[in-house]
Amino acid sequence: MPAVAPAKKTRPFIAPVAKSEQEHAPTFYVVCWNDPVNLMSYVTHVFMKIFGWNKQKAEKHMMEVHEKGKSVLAREGAEKAEFLVHQLHKYKLQATMEPAE
């Protein structure tokens, strides 16, 4: 029987993937502002509920809001940032979205 050379393994050509439009889309900060109305425990609870954070992280951001007047809670694309701001508003927290640098 004649000897047959093993087939040479070749990798399929994979075209480079262009960055999606979303990666080039502007991002926004979701900012929560201090107010004289809501209790600190309530703000912590809301952060845990909306962002799924543990109590320690939620308290860290709540204290930043309380002591510094604001806290940047997230950096997201426009739609997600707007959604998060609306969620915070539903819980009567003062929040805005600002363009990220």
N, C-alpha and C. Protein backbone atom coordinates (compact mmCIF):
# COMPACT_ATOMS: atom_id res chain seq x y z
N MET A 1 0.83 -1.17 0.00
CA MET A 1 0.00 0.00 0.00
C MET A 1 0.88 1.24 0.00
N PRO A 2 0.54 2.22 -0.84
CA PRO A 2 1.37 3.42 -0.87
C PRO A 2 1.11 4.26 0.38
N ALA A 3 2.16 4.90 0.84
CA ALA A 3 2.04 5.76 2.02
C ALA A 3 1.36 7.06 1.64
N VAL A 4 0.41 7.46 2.47
CA VAL A 4 -0.33 8.69 2.21
C VAL A 4 0.08 9.70 3.28
N ALA A 5 0.46 10.87 2.81
CA ALA A 5 0.86 11.92 3.76
C ALA A 5 -0.38 12.39 4.52
N PRO A 6 -0.24 12.65 5.81
CA PRO A 6 -1.39 13.14 6.55
C PRO A 6 -1.85 14.48 6.01
N ALA A 7 -3.14 14.68 6.05
CA ALA A 7 -3.72 15.94 5.55
C ALA A 7 -3.22 17.09 6.40
N LYS A 8 -2.88 18.16 5.72
CA LYS A 8 -2.40 19.35 6.42
C LYS A 8 -3.60 20.09 7.01
N LYS A 9 -3.53 20.37 8.31
CA LYS A 9 -4.63 21.09 8.94
C LYS A 9 -4.47 22.58 8.67
N THR A 10 -5.51 23.16 8.19
CA THR A 10 -5.50 24.60 7.94
C THR A 10 -6.63 25.24 8.72
N ARG A 11 -6.38 26.43 9.14
CA ARG A 11 -7.42 27.17 9.86
C ARG A 11 -8.29 27.89 8.85
N PRO A 12 -9.59 27.92 9.11
CA PRO A 12 -10.46 28.67 8.20
C PRO A 12 -10.16 30.17 8.32
N PHE A 13 -10.34 30.89 7.22
CA PHE A 13 -10.12 32.32 7.24
C PHE A 13 -11.26 32.99 7.99
N ILE A 14 -10.89 33.79 8.96
CA ILE A 14 -11.89 34.55 9.73
C ILE A 14 -11.59 36.01 9.51
N ALA A 15 -12.54 36.67 8.87
CA ALA A 15 -12.36 38.10 8.59
C ALA A 15 -12.36 38.88 9.89
N PRO A 16 -11.53 39.91 9.98
CA PRO A 16 -11.55 40.72 11.20
C PRO A 16 -12.91 41.37 11.38
N VAL A 17 -13.34 41.38 12.60
CA VAL A 17 -14.66 41.93 12.91
C VAL A 17 -14.51 43.42 13.19
N ALA A 18 -15.29 44.20 12.47
CA ALA A 18 -15.28 45.64 12.70
C ALA A 18 -15.96 45.93 14.03
N LYS A 19 -15.49 46.95 14.72
CA LYS A 19 -16.13 47.32 15.97
C LYS A 19 -17.56 47.74 15.70
N SER A 20 -18.43 47.31 16.56
CA SER A 20 -19.84 47.63 16.38
C SER A 20 -20.08 49.12 16.60
N GLU A 21 -21.19 49.57 16.09
CA GLU A 21 -21.56 50.98 16.27
C GLU A 21 -21.72 51.31 17.74
N GLN A 22 -22.15 50.33 18.51
CA GLN A 22 -22.38 50.56 19.92
C GLN A 22 -21.07 50.87 20.65
N GLU A 23 -19.96 50.27 20.20
CA GLU A 23 -18.68 50.53 20.84
C GLU A 23 -18.22 51.96 20.56
N HIS A 24 -18.68 52.52 19.44
CA HIS A 24 -18.30 53.88 19.08
C HIS A 24 -19.33 54.90 19.55
N ALA A 25 -20.46 54.41 20.03
CA ALA A 25 -21.53 55.32 20.47
C ALA A 25 -21.07 56.04 21.73
N PRO A 26 -21.51 57.27 21.90
CA PRO A 26 -21.13 58.00 23.11
C PRO A 26 -21.66 57.29 24.35
N THR A 27 -20.90 57.41 25.42
CA THR A 27 -21.36 56.83 26.68
C THR A 27 -21.74 57.96 27.64
N PHE A 28 -22.55 57.59 28.62
CA PHE A 28 -23.07 58.56 29.57
C PHE A 28 -22.88 58.04 30.98
N TYR A 29 -22.65 58.98 31.89
CA TYR A 29 -22.62 58.67 33.31
C TYR A 29 -24.04 58.79 33.85
N VAL A 30 -24.41 57.86 34.71
CA VAL A 30 -25.66 57.95 35.46
C VAL A 30 -25.29 58.50 36.83
N VAL A 31 -25.80 59.69 37.14
CA VAL A 31 -25.42 60.39 38.37
C VAL A 31 -26.64 60.51 39.28
N CYS A 32 -26.46 60.16 40.54
CA CYS A 32 -27.50 60.34 41.55
C CYS A 32 -27.08 61.51 42.43
N TRP A 33 -28.03 62.41 42.68
CA TRP A 33 -27.77 63.64 43.44
C TRP A 33 -28.38 63.55 44.83
N ASN A 34 -27.77 64.26 45.75
CA ASN A 34 -28.27 64.30 47.12
C ASN A 34 -29.59 65.07 47.18
N ASP A 35 -30.44 64.67 48.08
CA ASP A 35 -31.68 65.41 48.33
C ASP A 35 -31.99 65.35 49.82
N PRO A 36 -32.77 66.28 50.30
CA PRO A 36 -33.07 66.32 51.74
C PRO A 36 -34.26 65.44 52.15
N VAL A 37 -34.76 64.65 51.23
CA VAL A 37 -36.01 63.93 51.48
C VAL A 37 -35.81 62.46 51.83
N ASN A 38 -35.02 61.75 51.03
CA ASN A 38 -34.93 60.30 51.17
C ASN A 38 -33.95 59.88 52.26
N LEU A 39 -34.34 58.85 53.01
CA LEU A 39 -33.48 58.30 54.05
C LEU A 39 -32.31 57.55 53.40
N MET A 40 -31.19 57.54 54.09
CA MET A 40 -30.01 56.85 53.57
C MET A 40 -30.27 55.36 53.37
N SER A 41 -31.02 54.76 54.28
CA SER A 41 -31.33 53.33 54.15
C SER A 41 -32.20 53.07 52.91
N TYR A 42 -33.08 54.01 52.60
CA TYR A 42 -33.93 53.88 51.42
C TYR A 42 -33.09 53.96 50.16
N VAL A 43 -32.17 54.92 50.10
CA VAL A 43 -31.30 55.08 48.93
C VAL A 43 -30.47 53.82 48.73
N THR A 44 -29.93 53.27 49.81
CA THR A 44 -29.16 52.02 49.73
C THR A 44 -30.02 50.91 49.16
N HIS A 45 -31.24 50.79 49.65
CA HIS A 45 -32.17 49.77 49.17
C HIS A 45 -32.43 49.92 47.67
N VAL A 46 -32.66 51.14 47.21
CA VAL A 46 -32.95 51.39 45.79
C VAL A 46 -31.75 51.00 44.94
N PHE A 47 -30.55 51.38 45.35
CA PHE A 47 -29.36 51.02 44.58
C PHE A 47 -29.21 49.50 44.48
N MET A 48 -29.48 48.81 45.57
CA MET A 48 -29.40 47.34 45.56
C MET A 48 -30.43 46.75 44.60
N LYS A 49 -31.61 47.32 44.60
CA LYS A 49 -32.68 46.79 43.76
C LYS A 49 -32.44 47.06 42.28
N ILE A 50 -32.07 48.28 41.93
CA ILE A 50 -31.91 48.66 40.52
C ILE A 50 -30.64 48.07 39.91
N PHE A 51 -29.54 48.16 40.65
CA PHE A 51 -28.25 47.75 40.09
C PHE A 51 -27.84 46.34 40.48
N GLY A 52 -28.57 45.73 41.40
CA GLY A 52 -28.24 44.38 41.84
C GLY A 52 -26.97 44.33 42.67
N TRP A 53 -26.62 45.43 43.30
CA TRP A 53 -25.40 45.51 44.09
C TRP A 53 -25.61 44.87 45.45
N ASN A 54 -24.50 44.46 46.06
CA ASN A 54 -24.57 44.01 47.44
C ASN A 54 -24.68 45.24 48.35
N LYS A 55 -24.98 45.01 49.60
CA LYS A 55 -25.24 46.12 50.52
C LYS A 55 -24.01 47.02 50.68
N GLN A 56 -22.83 46.42 50.72
CA GLN A 56 -21.61 47.20 50.91
C GLN A 56 -21.39 48.19 49.77
N LYS A 57 -21.56 47.75 48.53
CA LYS A 57 -21.37 48.64 47.38
C LYS A 57 -22.45 49.71 47.35
N ALA A 58 -23.68 49.32 47.62
CA ALA A 58 -24.79 50.28 47.62
C ALA A 58 -24.58 51.34 48.70
N GLU A 59 -24.10 50.93 49.87
CA GLU A 59 -23.85 51.89 50.95
C GLU A 59 -22.70 52.83 50.60
N LYS A 60 -21.68 52.32 49.91
CA LYS A 60 -20.56 53.15 49.49
C LYS A 60 -21.05 54.29 48.60
N HIS A 61 -21.89 53.96 47.62
CA HIS A 61 -22.42 54.99 46.72
C HIS A 61 -23.40 55.92 47.44
N MET A 62 -24.19 55.37 48.35
CA MET A 62 -25.12 56.20 49.12
C MET A 62 -24.35 57.22 49.95
N MET A 63 -23.25 56.80 50.57
CA MET A 63 -22.45 57.72 51.38
C MET A 63 -21.78 58.78 50.50
N GLU A 64 -21.40 58.40 49.31
CA GLU A 64 -20.82 59.38 48.39
C GLU A 64 -21.86 60.43 48.03
N VAL A 65 -23.09 60.00 47.78
CA VAL A 65 -24.19 60.94 47.51
C VAL A 65 -24.38 61.86 48.71
N HIS A 66 -24.41 61.28 49.89
CA HIS A 66 -24.66 62.04 51.12
C HIS A 66 -23.54 63.03 51.43
N GLU A 67 -22.29 62.59 51.29
CA GLU A 67 -21.15 63.43 51.69
C GLU A 67 -20.66 64.37 50.59
N LYS A 68 -20.69 63.91 49.34
CA LYS A 68 -20.15 64.72 48.24
C LYS A 68 -21.24 65.41 47.41
N GLY A 69 -22.50 65.02 47.64
CA GLY A 69 -23.60 65.63 46.91
C GLY A 69 -24.02 64.88 45.67
N LYS A 70 -23.17 63.93 45.23
CA LYS A 70 -23.53 63.13 44.06
C LYS A 70 -22.64 61.90 44.01
N SER A 71 -23.07 60.93 43.20
CA SER A 71 -22.27 59.74 42.95
C SER A 71 -22.54 59.27 41.53
N VAL A 72 -21.47 58.92 40.83
CA VAL A 72 -21.61 58.33 39.50
C VAL A 72 -21.87 56.84 39.72
N LEU A 73 -23.04 56.41 39.29
CA LEU A 73 -23.46 55.03 39.55
C LEU A 73 -23.13 54.08 38.42
N ALA A 74 -23.06 54.59 37.19
CA ALA A 74 -22.82 53.71 36.05
C ALA A 74 -22.32 54.53 34.86
N ARG A 75 -21.70 53.83 33.93
CA ARG A 75 -21.32 54.42 32.64
C ARG A 75 -21.89 53.48 31.58
N GLU A 76 -22.83 53.99 30.82
CA GLU A 76 -23.57 53.16 29.87
C GLU A 76 -23.81 53.91 28.57
N GLY A 77 -24.30 53.18 27.57
CA GLY A 77 -24.75 53.81 26.34
C GLY A 77 -26.00 54.64 26.64
N ALA A 78 -26.39 55.45 25.68
CA ALA A 78 -27.49 56.40 25.89
C ALA A 78 -28.79 55.72 26.35
N GLU A 79 -29.20 54.66 25.67
CA GLU A 79 -30.48 54.02 26.01
C GLU A 79 -30.47 53.42 27.40
N LYS A 80 -29.41 52.70 27.73
CA LYS A 80 -29.31 52.07 29.05
C LYS A 80 -29.22 53.13 30.15
N ALA A 81 -28.45 54.19 29.91
CA ALA A 81 -28.33 55.27 30.90
C ALA A 81 -29.68 55.93 31.13
N GLU A 82 -30.40 56.19 30.05
CA GLU A 82 -31.72 56.80 30.18
C GLU A 82 -32.66 55.88 30.96
N PHE A 83 -32.60 54.60 30.67
CA PHE A 83 -33.43 53.63 31.37
C PHE A 83 -33.13 53.66 32.87
N LEU A 84 -31.84 53.66 33.24
CA LEU A 84 -31.46 53.67 34.65
C LEU A 84 -31.90 54.95 35.34
N VAL A 85 -31.78 56.07 34.67
CA VAL A 85 -32.24 57.35 35.24
C VAL A 85 -33.74 57.29 35.51
N HIS A 86 -34.49 56.75 34.56
CA HIS A 86 -35.95 56.63 34.75
C HIS A 86 -36.28 55.68 35.91
N GLN A 87 -35.50 54.61 36.04
CA GLN A 87 -35.71 53.70 37.17
C GLN A 87 -35.50 54.43 38.50
N LEU A 88 -34.43 55.22 38.57
CA LEU A 88 -34.16 55.98 39.80
C LEU A 88 -35.26 57.00 40.06
N HIS A 89 -35.76 57.63 39.02
CA HIS A 89 -36.86 58.59 39.17
C HIS A 89 -38.12 57.91 39.71
N LYS A 90 -38.37 56.67 39.28
CA LYS A 90 -39.54 55.95 39.77
C LYS A 90 -39.51 55.80 41.30
N TYR A 91 -38.30 55.75 41.84
CA TYR A 91 -38.14 55.64 43.28
C TYR A 91 -37.94 57.01 43.94
N LYS A 92 -38.21 58.06 43.19
CA LYS A 92 -38.16 59.45 43.67
C LYS A 92 -36.75 59.91 44.04
N LEU A 93 -35.74 59.34 43.38
CA LEU A 93 -34.37 59.81 43.57
C LEU A 93 -34.04 60.78 42.44
N GLN A 94 -33.25 61.78 42.77
CA GLN A 94 -32.84 62.76 41.76
C GLN A 94 -31.63 62.20 41.02
N ALA A 95 -31.79 62.01 39.71
CA ALA A 95 -30.73 61.42 38.90
C ALA A 95 -30.71 62.08 37.52
N THR A 96 -29.52 62.13 36.96
CA THR A 96 -29.35 62.67 35.60
C THR A 96 -28.36 61.78 34.85
N MET A 97 -28.30 62.00 33.56
CA MET A 97 -27.26 61.36 32.75
C MET A 97 -26.43 62.47 32.13
N GLU A 98 -25.12 62.29 32.14
CA GLU A 98 -24.20 63.30 31.62
C GLU A 98 -23.23 62.62 30.66
N PRO A 99 -22.86 63.30 29.59
CA PRO A 99 -21.90 62.70 28.65
C PRO A 99 -20.59 62.37 29.35
N ALA A 100 -20.08 61.18 29.07
CA ALA A 100 -18.79 60.76 29.63
C ALA A 100 -17.68 61.30 28.74
N GLU A 101 -16.56 61.61 29.34
CA GLU A 101 -15.42 62.10 28.57
C GLU A 101 -14.78 60.98 27.80
